């Protein structure tokens, strides 16, 4: 059963710049589409980055986080609290 993870991130400096810096590293290591991630959403509120990801399993998310953590450290982005984890129910989109 898929799970949804909501995490909050702060940065030493501009959180948007840190997020974009992390994506440059993610792309350089060809990790943009890790196995098991169905959806990635990100937005900022003031100086806090919010991220929601939908994963097929906790194990796949944890494997990706092992690769991602050193990148976040390099761009000086922190996760000050444990992410919220919940059961994924649905995404509602208009028809194409």
Protein backbone atom coordinates (compact mmCIF):
# COMPACT_ATOMS: atom_id res chain seq x y z
CA UNK A 1 0.00 0.00 0.00
CA UNK A 2 1.53 3.37 -0.99
CA UNK A 3 2.47 5.86 1.68
CA UNK A 4 2.61 9.63 1.76
CA UNK A 5 5.46 11.47 3.44
CA UNK A 6 5.25 15.17 4.33
CA UNK A 7 8.51 16.74 5.46
CA UNK A 8 9.61 20.26 6.37
CA UNK A 9 13.06 21.60 5.56
CA UNK A 10 15.02 24.70 6.46
CA UNK A 11 18.31 25.92 5.07
CA UNK A 12 21.28 27.96 6.14
CA UNK A 13 20.58 30.68 3.60
CA UNK A 14 17.83 30.80 1.00
CA UNK A 15 15.72 27.61 1.15
CA UNK A 16 14.75 27.93 -2.53
CA UNK A 17 18.40 28.12 -3.60
CA UNK A 18 19.21 25.11 -1.41
CA UNK A 19 16.34 23.12 -2.95
CA UNK A 20 17.47 23.94 -6.49
CA UNK A 21 21.06 23.09 -5.52
CA UNK A 22 19.92 19.71 -4.24
CA UNK A 23 18.13 19.06 -7.55
CA UNK A 24 21.32 19.82 -9.48
CA UNK A 25 23.08 17.12 -7.45
CA UNK A 26 20.13 14.73 -7.80
CA UNK A 27 20.22 15.14 -11.57
CA UNK A 28 24.02 14.81 -11.68
CA UNK A 29 23.65 11.42 -9.95
CA UNK A 30 20.68 10.41 -12.14
CA UNK A 31 18.33 10.11 -9.14
CA UNK A 32 15.44 12.29 -10.37
CA UNK A 33 13.10 9.29 -10.67
CA UNK A 34 14.01 6.83 -7.90
CA UNK A 35 12.38 3.44 -7.95
CA UNK A 36 9.12 3.47 -6.03
CA UNK A 37 8.44 7.21 -5.91
CA UNK A 38 5.10 7.97 -7.57
CA UNK A 39 4.85 11.71 -6.90
CA UNK A 40 6.95 14.62 -5.64
CA UNK A 41 5.48 18.03 -4.70
CA UNK A 42 7.39 20.93 -3.16
CA UNK A 43 6.46 24.46 -2.09
CA UNK A 44 7.70 27.15 0.25
CA UNK A 45 5.96 29.03 3.03
CA UNK A 46 8.16 31.88 4.16
CA UNK A 47 11.59 30.28 4.69
CA UNK A 48 10.36 26.69 5.10
CA UNK A 49 10.31 24.12 2.30
CA UNK A 50 7.42 21.62 2.39
CA UNK A 51 7.76 18.35 0.48
CA UNK A 52 5.15 15.66 -0.13
CA UNK A 53 6.23 12.43 -1.74
CA UNK A 54 4.18 9.31 -2.47
CA UNK A 55 6.16 6.06 -2.29
CA UNK A 56 5.30 2.44 -3.02
CA UNK A 57 7.05 1.37 0.19
CA UNK A 58 8.91 2.70 3.21
CA UNK A 59 11.97 0.66 2.19
CA UNK A 60 12.21 2.43 -1.18
CA UNK A 61 11.87 5.83 0.47
CA UNK A 62 14.54 4.99 3.03
CA UNK A 63 16.92 3.75 0.33
CA UNK A 64 16.51 7.04 -1.54
CA UNK A 65 17.04 9.05 1.66
CA UNK A 66 20.39 7.30 2.18
CA UNK A 67 21.48 8.73 -1.19
CA UNK A 68 19.80 12.11 -0.65
CA UNK A 69 21.05 12.91 2.86
CA UNK A 70 24.67 13.71 1.85
CA UNK A 71 23.35 16.01 -0.90
CA UNK A 72 21.11 17.86 1.55
CA UNK A 73 24.08 18.24 3.88
CA UNK A 74 26.17 19.77 1.07
CA UNK A 75 23.52 22.39 0.26
CA UNK A 76 23.05 23.00 4.01
CA UNK A 77 19.40 21.94 4.12
CA UNK A 78 18.05 20.51 7.35
CA UNK A 79 14.97 18.53 8.37
CA UNK A 80 14.28 19.87 11.87
CA UNK A 81 11.55 17.37 12.73
CA UNK A 82 10.54 13.85 11.76
CA UNK A 83 8.41 13.65 8.59
CA UNK A 84 4.72 12.81 8.85
CA UNK A 85 3.93 9.44 7.27
CA UNK A 86 0.42 8.41 6.28
CA UNK A 87 -1.53 6.03 4.09
CA UNK A 88 -1.95 7.34 0.54
CA UNK A 89 -5.57 7.54 -0.59
CA UNK A 90 -5.82 9.34 -3.93
CA UNK A 91 -4.89 12.20 -6.25
CA UNK A 92 -7.75 14.01 -7.97
CA UNK A 93 -6.93 15.55 -11.34
CA UNK A 94 -9.16 16.92 -14.08
CA UNK A 95 -9.46 14.71 -17.17
CA UNK A 96 -6.89 15.31 -19.90
